[in-house]
Amino acid sequence: MDKEEEERLEYKQYMQVVDACRELFKKKLQDYGAAWRILRPASVTDQIYIKVARIRSLQLSGENLVGDSIESEFIGIVNYGIIGLIQFEDGFSEKNDTPIDLAEKLYDSHFAECFNVMKKKNHDYGEAWRNMRVETITDLILTKVFRTKQIEDHDGHTIASEGIPANYIDMVNYAIFALCLLQERPVSSTDKLDGEEMPDFSLMPIPPSGKYYAAERNPEVNPSTETK
């Protein structure tokens, strides 16, 4: 077993969630291409704001009229956070002309940044996030969004604070942590992703290669997870 496979096993739950996010990213690339390449970084930040603000609103009100789940919004934050890292480093495009294979490579490259930061912080703090409430993680993501918007309004200049990429990385990792915590709660009838049932991360097998795959929930394999 090589080092990459060992790390995937060590961070199994984290990587299962990431693979589900990546799978949705790839499916949307097939549908729309890399249309997000035209987004300026500030527009990406605003997209993340919309998602985390909706999560907070749902947590406070307990009422979901649109139907999209909190889980789907956290997945959106993961993917938009990585898009933000891409746009910050490579700049935005005037055309939707980025090849799909290049977009996937950019996604994987910038996710690797997030993964490396997570490993370093886990080393220093342990998995302290497992004792946090999802509502607290939501507030922390929102704080990071407001910080990023402030830095953007100052043309990217900071005096004593982390820059924009560090905030995007934290948003991505916090959203992944929230998805890890949410998968441990009972499935509800509102757990929908674009009209489809949310994947059960716990049913993603580990083939000999060590690669995790996003699997749709199969009631025959695990009847207790079937949505009523």
C-alpha atoms as a PDB file:
ATOM      1  CA  MET A   1       0.000   0.000   0.000  1.00  0.00           C
ATOM      2  CA  ASP A   2       1.513   3.357  -1.019  1.00  0.00           C
ATOM      3  CA  LYS A   3       1.432   6.596   0.985  1.00  0.00           C
ATOM      4  CA  GLU A   4      -1.614   7.985  -0.884  1.00  0.00           C
ATOM      5  CA  GLU A   5      -3.660   4.855  -0.152  1.00  0.00           C
ATOM      6  CA  GLU A   6      -2.607   4.925   3.507  1.00  0.00           C
ATOM      7  CA  GLU A   7      -3.749   8.542   3.813  1.00  0.00           C
ATOM      8  CA  ARG A   8      -7.099   7.757   2.193  1.00  0.00           C
ATOM      9  CA  LEU A   9      -7.670   4.993   4.711  1.00  0.00           C
ATOM     10  CA  GLU A  10      -6.616   7.206   7.621  1.00  0.00           C
ATOM     11  CA  TYR A  11      -8.992   9.955   6.534  1.00  0.00           C
ATOM     12  CA  LYS A  12     -11.645   7.591   5.197  1.00  0.00           C
ATOM     13  CA  GLN A  13     -14.777   9.567   6.067  1.00  0.00           C
ATOM     14  CA  TYR A  14     -13.284  12.871   4.907  1.00  0.00           C
ATOM     15  CA  MET A  15     -12.257  11.352   1.566  1.00  0.00           C
ATOM     16  CA  GLN A  16     -15.630   9.666   1.048  1.00  0.00           C
ATOM     17  CA  VAL A  17     -17.336  13.038   1.380  1.00  0.00           C
ATOM     18  CA  VAL A  18     -14.833  14.657  -0.978  1.00  0.00           C
ATOM     19  CA  ASP A  19     -15.398  11.969  -3.580  1.00  0.00           C
ATOM     20  CA  ALA A  20     -19.149  12.621  -3.469  1.00  0.00           C
ATOM     21  CA  CYS A  21     -18.504  16.352  -3.984  1.00  0.00           C
ATOM     22  CA  ARG A  22     -16.086  15.629  -6.831  1.00  0.00           C
ATOM     23  CA  GLU A  23     -18.570  13.268  -8.472  1.00  0.00           C
ATOM     24  CA  LEU A  24     -21.238  15.988  -8.553  1.00  0.00           C
ATOM     25  CA  PHE A  25     -18.676  18.506  -9.856  1.00  0.00           C
ATOM     26  CA  LYS A  26     -17.786  16.131 -12.713  1.00  0.00           C
ATOM     27  CA  LYS A  27     -21.434  15.501 -13.596  1.00  0.00           C
ATOM     28  CA  LYS A  28     -22.112  19.224 -13.805  1.00  0.00           C
ATOM     29  CA  LEU A  29     -19.018  19.657 -15.984  1.00  0.00           C
ATOM     30  CA  GLN A  30     -20.579  17.187 -18.410  1.00  0.00           C
ATOM     31  CA  ASP A  31     -23.858  19.138 -18.394  1.00  0.00           C
ATOM     32  CA  TYR A  32     -22.596  22.733 -18.488  1.00  0.00           C
ATOM     33  CA  GLY A  33     -18.891  22.635 -19.179  1.00  0.00           C
ATOM     34  CA  ALA A  34     -16.676  24.879 -17.041  1.00  0.00           C
ATOM     35  CA  ALA A  35     -19.115  27.806 -17.292  1.00  0.00           C
ATOM     36  CA  TRP A  36     -17.972  28.914 -13.828  1.00  0.00           C
ATOM     37  CA  ARG A  37     -14.658  30.012 -15.366  1.00  0.00           C
ATOM     38  CA  ILE A  38     -16.276  33.342 -16.274  1.00  0.00           C
ATOM     39  CA  LEU A  39     -16.998  34.110 -12.600  1.00  0.00           C
ATOM     40  CA  ARG A  40     -14.847  36.773 -11.001  1.00  0.00           C
ATOM     41  CA  PRO A  41     -13.573  35.732  -7.547  1.00  0.00           C
ATOM     42  CA  ALA A  42     -15.958  38.118  -5.760  1.00  0.00           C
ATOM     43  CA  SER A  43     -18.877  36.456  -7.565  1.00  0.00           C
ATOM     44  CA  VAL A  44     -17.740  33.060  -6.297  1.00  0.00           C
ATOM     45  CA  THR A  45     -17.620  34.441  -2.768  1.00  0.00           C
ATOM     46  CA  ASP A  46     -21.176  35.719  -3.161  1.00  0.00           C
ATOM     47  CA  GLN A  47     -22.319  32.276  -4.360  1.00  0.00           C
ATOM     48  CA  ILE A  48     -20.878  30.741  -1.190  1.00  0.00           C
ATOM     49  CA  TYR A  49     -22.568  33.473   0.847  1.00  0.00           C
ATOM     50  CA  ILE A  50     -25.961  32.598  -0.666  1.00  0.00           C
ATOM     51  CA  LYS A  51     -25.512  28.941   0.233  1.00  0.00           C
ATOM     52  CA  VAL A  52     -24.303  29.414   3.804  1.00  0.00           C
ATOM     53  CA  ALA A  53     -26.923  32.108   4.451  1.00  0.00           C
ATOM     54  CA  ARG A  54     -29.627  29.650   3.346  1.00  0.00           C
ATOM     55  CA  ILE A  55     -28.204  26.935   5.613  1.00  0.00           C
ATOM     56  CA  ARG A  56     -28.270  29.317   8.572  1.00  0.00           C
ATOM     57  CA  SER A  57     -31.822  30.391   7.738  1.00  0.00           C
ATOM     58  CA  LEU A  58     -32.978  26.755   7.591  1.00  0.00           C
ATOM     59  CA  GLN A  59     -31.261  25.989  10.885  1.00  0.00           C
ATOM     60  CA  LEU A  60     -32.948  28.951  12.562  1.00  0.00           C
ATOM     61  CA  SER A  61     -36.426  28.475  11.089  1.00  0.00           C
ATOM     62  CA  GLY A  62     -36.555  24.674  10.746  1.00  0.00           C
ATOM     63  CA  GLU A  63     -38.699  25.206   7.644  1.00  0.00           C
ATOM     64  CA  ASN A  64     -37.618  24.232   4.121  1.00  0.00           C
ATOM     65  CA  LEU A  65     -39.952  25.466   1.372  1.00  0.00           C
ATOM     66  CA  VAL A  66     -37.592  25.063  -1.612  1.00  0.00           C
ATOM     67  CA  GLY A  67     -36.730  21.418  -0.943  1.00  0.00           C
ATOM     68  CA  ASP A  68     -32.949  21.500  -1.494  1.00  0.00           C
ATOM     69  CA  SER A  69     -31.283  19.991   1.547  1.00  0.00           C
ATOM     70  CA  ILE A  70     -28.700  21.458   3.887  1.00  0.00           C
ATOM     71  CA  GLU A  71     -26.349  18.696   2.712  1.00  0.00           C
ATOM     72  CA  SER A  72     -26.627  19.823  -0.902  1.00  0.00           C
ATOM     73  CA  GLU A  73     -25.769  23.388   0.130  1.00  0.00           C
ATOM     74  CA  PHE A  74     -22.649  22.225   2.001  1.00  0.00           C
ATOM     75  CA  ILE A  75     -21.603  20.241  -1.086  1.00  0.00           C
ATOM     76  CA  GLY A  76     -22.055  23.451  -3.087  1.00  0.00           C
ATOM     77  CA  ILE A  77     -19.801  25.301  -0.632  1.00  0.00           C
ATOM     78  CA  VAL A  78     -17.081  22.660  -1.061  1.00  0.00           C
ATOM     79  CA  ASN A  79     -17.207  22.919  -4.830  1.00  0.00           C
ATOM     80  CA  TYR A  80     -17.510  26.699  -5.021  1.00  0.00           C
ATOM     81  CA  GLY A  81     -14.662  27.017  -2.514  1.00  0.00           C
ATOM     82  CA  ILE A  82     -12.406  25.006  -4.808  1.00  0.00           C
ATOM     83  CA  ILE A  83     -13.642  27.030  -7.787  1.00  0.00           C
ATOM     84  CA  GLY A  84     -12.727  30.161  -5.823  1.00  0.00           C
ATOM     85  CA  LEU A  85      -9.160  28.871  -5.394  1.00  0.00           C
ATOM     86  CA  ILE A  86      -8.954  28.168  -9.125  1.00  0.00           C
ATOM     87  CA  GLN A  87     -10.252  31.610 -10.067  1.00  0.00           C
ATOM     88  CA  PHE A  88      -8.013  33.391  -7.582  1.00  0.00           C
ATOM     89  CA  GLU A  89      -4.876  31.696  -8.945  1.00  0.00           C
ATOM     90  CA  ASP A  90      -5.701  31.483 -12.658  1.00  0.00           C
ATOM     91  CA  GLY A  91      -8.004  34.467 -13.075  1.00  0.00           C
ATOM     92  CA  PHE A  92     -11.404  34.432 -14.714  1.00  0.00           C
ATOM     93  CA  SER A  93     -12.086  33.763 -18.390  1.00  0.00           C
ATOM     94  CA  GLU A  94     -14.220  35.615 -20.885  1.00  0.00           C
ATOM     95  CA  LYS A  95     -15.306  32.362 -22.517  1.00  0.00           C
ATOM     96  CA  ASN A  96     -16.513  28.932 -21.462  1.00  0.00           C
ATOM     97  CA  ASP A  97     -13.613  27.259 -23.231  1.00  0.00           C
ATOM     98  CA  THR A  98     -11.765  25.350 -20.494  1.00  0.00           C
ATOM     99  CA  PRO A  99     -11.531  21.646 -21.453  1.00  0.00           C
ATOM    100  CA  ILE A 100     -13.287  19.297 -19.044  1.00  0.00           C
ATOM    101  CA  ASP A 101     -10.153  17.272 -18.367  1.00  0.00           C
ATOM    102  CA  LEU A 102      -8.234  20.440 -17.449  1.00  0.00           C
ATOM    103  CA  ALA A 103     -11.067  21.593 -15.167  1.00  0.00           C
ATOM    104  CA  GLU A 104     -10.952  18.232 -13.352  1.00  0.00           C
ATOM    105  CA  LYS A 105      -7.168  18.483 -12.934  1.00  0.00           C
ATOM    106  CA  LEU A 106      -7.509  22.004 -11.517  1.00  0.00           C
ATOM    107  CA  TYR A 107     -10.159  20.759  -9.085  1.00  0.00           C
ATOM    108  CA  ASP A 108      -7.940  17.917  -7.867  1.00  0.00           C
ATOM    109  CA  SER A 109      -4.888  20.166  -7.579  1.00  0.00           C
ATOM    110  CA  HIS A 110      -6.654  22.737  -5.425  1.00  0.00           C
ATOM    111  CA  PHE A 111      -8.424  20.109  -3.353  1.00  0.00           C
ATOM    112  CA  ALA A 112      -4.948  18.772  -2.537  1.00  0.00           C
ATOM    113  CA  GLU A 113      -4.189  22.180  -0.984  1.00  0.00           C
ATOM    114  CA  CYS A 114      -7.260  21.875   1.232  1.00  0.00           C
ATOM    115  CA  PHE A 115      -6.371  18.316   2.215  1.00  0.00           C
ATOM    116  CA  ASN A 116      -2.814  19.256   3.185  1.00  0.00           C
ATOM    117  CA  VAL A 117      -4.022  22.149   5.358  1.00  0.00           C
ATOM    118  CA  MET A 118      -6.572  19.850   7.033  1.00  0.00           C
ATOM    119  CA  LYS A 119      -3.868  17.278   7.860  1.00  0.00           C
ATOM    120  CA  LYS A 120      -1.638  19.934   9.441  1.00  0.00           C
ATOM    121  CA  LYS A 121      -4.476  21.358  11.542  1.00  0.00           C
ATOM    122  CA  ASN A 122      -5.619  17.880  12.568  1.00  0.00           C
ATOM    123  CA  HIS A 123      -2.080  17.223  13.748  1.00  0.00           C
ATOM    124  CA  ASP A 124      -2.122  20.336  15.936  1.00  0.00           C
ATOM    125  CA  TYR A 125      -5.715  20.267  17.172  1.00  0.00           C
ATOM    126  CA  GLY A 126      -6.746  16.653  16.778  1.00  0.00           C
ATOM    127  CA  GLU A 127     -10.222  16.113  15.350  1.00  0.00           C
ATOM    128  CA  ALA A 128     -11.690  18.783  17.619  1.00  0.00           C
ATOM    129  CA  TRP A 129     -14.267  19.559  14.920  1.00  0.00           C
ATOM    130  CA  ARG A 130     -16.031  16.273  15.719  1.00  0.00           C
ATOM    131  CA  ASN A 131     -17.178  17.810  19.002  1.00  0.00           C
ATOM    132  CA  MET A 132     -18.578  20.902  17.282  1.00  0.00           C
ATOM    133  CA  ARG A 133     -22.194  21.534  16.370  1.00  0.00           C
ATOM    134  CA  VAL A 134     -23.065  21.828  12.673  1.00  0.00           C
ATOM    135  CA  GLU A 135     -24.649  25.191  13.513  1.00  0.00           C
ATOM    136  CA  THR A 136     -21.283  26.421  14.807  1.00  0.00           C
ATOM    137  CA  ILE A 137     -19.553  25.275  11.631  1.00  0.00           C
ATOM    138  CA  THR A 138     -22.166  27.178   9.634  1.00  0.00           C
ATOM    139  CA  ASP A 139     -21.399  30.348  11.592  1.00  0.00           C
ATOM    140  CA  LEU A 140     -17.658  29.870  11.097  1.00  0.00           C
ATOM    141  CA  ILE A 141     -18.104  29.521   7.328  1.00  0.00           C
ATOM    142  CA  LEU A 142     -20.244  32.655   7.294  1.00  0.00           C
ATOM    143  CA  THR A 143     -17.529  34.481   9.251  1.00  0.00           C
ATOM    144  CA  LYS A 144     -14.960  33.388   6.656  1.00  0.00           C
ATOM    145  CA  VAL A 145     -17.239  34.651   3.879  1.00  0.00           C
ATOM    146  CA  PHE A 146     -17.575  38.075   5.507  1.00  0.00           C
ATOM    147  CA  ARG A 147     -13.809  38.241   6.015  1.00  0.00           C
ATOM    148  CA  THR A 148     -13.240  37.375   2.366  1.00  0.00           C
ATOM    149  CA  LYS A 149     -15.745  39.973   1.172  1.00  0.00           C
ATOM    150  CA  GLN A 150     -13.994  42.599   3.306  1.00  0.00           C
ATOM    151  CA  ILE A 151     -10.589  41.686   1.864  1.00  0.00           C
ATOM    152  CA  GLU A 152     -12.038  41.821  -1.653  1.00  0.00           C
ATOM    153  CA  ASP A 153     -13.451  45.275  -0.936  1.00  0.00           C
ATOM    154  CA  HIS A 154      -9.901  46.296   0.087  1.00  0.00           C
ATOM    155  CA  ASP A 155      -8.530  45.041  -3.244  1.00  0.00           C
ATOM    156  CA  GLY A 156      -6.999  41.994  -1.598  1.00  0.00           C
ATOM    157  CA  HIS A 157      -4.822  43.910   0.850  1.00  0.00           C
ATOM    158  CA  THR A 158      -4.467  42.743   4.471  1.00  0.00           C
ATOM    159  CA  ILE A 159      -2.376  43.977   7.400  1.00  0.00           C
ATOM    160  CA  ALA A 160      -2.328  41.061   9.840  1.00  0.00           C
ATOM    161  CA  SER A 161      -4.856  38.618   8.411  1.00  0.00           C
ATOM    162  CA  GLU A 162      -4.724  35.563   6.179  1.00  0.00           C
ATOM    163  CA  GLY A 163      -5.405  36.201   2.524  1.00  0.00           C
ATOM    164  CA  ILE A 164      -8.350  35.140   0.393  1.00  0.00           C
ATOM    165  CA  PRO A 165      -7.062  31.638  -0.549  1.00  0.00           C
ATOM    166  CA  ALA A 166      -6.656  30.660   3.124  1.00  0.00           C
ATOM    167  CA  ASN A 167     -10.260  31.639   3.776  1.00  0.00           C
ATOM    168  CA  TYR A 168     -11.499  29.590   0.797  1.00  0.00           C
ATOM    169  CA  ILE A 169      -9.535  26.592   2.071  1.00  0.00           C
ATOM    170  CA  ASP A 170     -11.114  26.929   5.518  1.00  0.00           C
ATOM    171  CA  MET A 171     -14.607  27.176   3.970  1.00  0.00           C
ATOM    172  CA  VAL A 172     -14.001  23.976   2.015  1.00  0.00           C
ATOM    173  CA  ASN A 173     -12.736  22.047   5.028  1.00  0.00           C
ATOM    174  CA  TYR A 174     -15.448  23.315   7.364  1.00  0.00           C
ATOM    175  CA  ALA A 175     -18.112  22.279   4.832  1.00  0.00           C
ATOM    176  CA  ILE A 176     -16.563  18.803   4.550  1.00  0.00           C
ATOM    177  CA  PHE A 177     -16.545  18.514   8.352  1.00  0.00           C
ATOM    178  CA  ALA A 178     -20.230  19.480   8.435  1.00  0.00           C
ATOM    179  CA  LEU A 179     -21.060  16.795   5.858  1.00  0.00           C
ATOM    180  CA  CYS A 180     -19.151  14.219   7.913  1.00  0.00           C
ATOM    181  CA  LEU A 181     -21.197  15.142  10.988  1.00  0.00           C
ATOM    182  CA  LEU A 182     -24.496  15.254   9.098  1.00  0.00           C
ATOM    183  CA  GLN A 183     -24.019  11.771   7.652  1.00  0.00           C
ATOM    184  CA  GLU A 184     -24.157  10.403  11.207  1.00  0.00           C
ATOM    185  CA  ARG A 185     -27.714  11.622  11.783  1.00  0.00           C
ATOM    186  CA  PRO A 186     -30.888   9.795  10.634  1.00  0.00           C
ATOM    187  CA  VAL A 187     -31.909  10.394   7.006  1.00  0.00           C
ATOM    188  CA  SER A 188     -34.958  12.625   6.555  1.00  0.00           C
ATOM    189  CA  SER A 189     -37.376  13.027   3.665  1.00  0.00           C
ATOM    190  CA  THR A 190     -35.802  16.395   2.834  1.00  0.00           C
ATOM    191  CA  ASP A 191     -32.362  14.920   2.141  1.00  0.00           C
ATOM    192  CA  LYS A 192     -32.495  15.532  -1.589  1.00  0.00           C
ATOM    193  CA  LEU A 193     -29.801  16.588  -4.043  1.00  0.00           C
ATOM    194  CA  ASP A 194     -31.104  18.112  -7.279  1.00  0.00           C
ATOM    195  CA  GLY A 195     -34.287  16.067  -6.868  1.00  0.00           C
ATOM    196  CA  GLU A 196     -32.439  12.817  -6.149  1.00  0.00           C
ATOM    197  CA  GLU A 197     -31.822  11.005  -2.904  1.00  0.00           C
ATOM    198  CA  MET A 198     -28.599  11.994  -1.154  1.00  0.00           C
ATOM    199  CA  PRO A 199     -25.749   9.452  -1.440  1.00  0.00           C
ATOM    200  CA  ASP A 200     -25.055   7.387   1.655  1.00  0.00           C
ATOM    201  CA  PHE A 201     -21.349   8.054   2.195  1.00  0.00           C
ATOM    202  CA  SER A 202     -21.047   5.005   4.436  1.00  0.00           C
ATOM    203  CA  LEU A 203     -21.837   2.708   1.500  1.00  0.00           C
ATOM    204  CA  MET A 204     -18.925   3.898  -0.629  1.00  0.00           C
ATOM    205  CA  PRO A 205     -16.664   0.825  -0.866  1.00  0.00           C
ATOM    206  CA  ILE A 206     -12.870   0.827  -0.849  1.00  0.00           C
ATOM    207  CA  PRO A 207     -11.648  -1.143  -3.880  1.00  0.00           C
ATOM    208  CA  PRO A 208      -8.115  -2.629  -3.812  1.00  0.00           C
ATOM    209  CA  SER A 209      -6.762   0.580  -5.379  1.00  0.00           C
ATOM    210  CA  GLY A 210      -7.800   2.510  -2.284  1.00  0.00           C
ATOM    211  CA  LYS A 211     -10.103   4.750  -4.355  1.00  0.00           C
ATOM    212  CA  TYR A 212     -13.467   5.673  -2.873  1.00  0.00           C
ATOM    213  CA  TYR A 213     -16.487   5.973  -5.103  1.00  0.00           C
ATOM    214  CA  ALA A 214     -19.720   7.897  -4.517  1.00  0.00           C
ATOM    215  CA  ALA A 215     -22.484   5.291  -4.436  1.00  0.00           C
ATOM    216  CA  GLU A 216     -26.202   5.892  -4.515  1.00  0.00           C
ATOM    217  CA  ARG A 217     -28.084   4.530  -1.513  1.00  0.00           C
ATOM    218  CA  ASN A 218     -29.271   0.973  -2.144  1.00  0.00           C
ATOM    219  CA  PRO A 219     -32.209   0.014   0.110  1.00  0.00           C
ATOM    220  CA  GLU A 220     -31.544  -3.677  -0.580  1.00  0.00           C
ATOM    221  CA  VAL A 221     -28.051  -3.358   0.882  1.00  0.00           C
ATOM    222  CA  ASN A 222     -29.083  -1.223   3.842  1.00  0.00           C
ATOM    223  CA  PRO A 223     -32.880  -1.165   4.265  1.00  0.00           C
ATOM    224  CA  SER A 224     -32.667   1.021   7.388  1.00  0.00           C
ATOM    225  CA  THR A 225     -31.531   3.971   5.258  1.00  0.00           C
ATOM    226  CA  GLU A 226     -34.519   3.910   2.916  1.00  0.00           C
ATOM    227  CA  THR A 227     -36.351   7.250   2.871  1.00  0.00           C
ATOM    228  CA  LYS A 228     -39.914   6.906   4.043  1.00  0.00           C
END
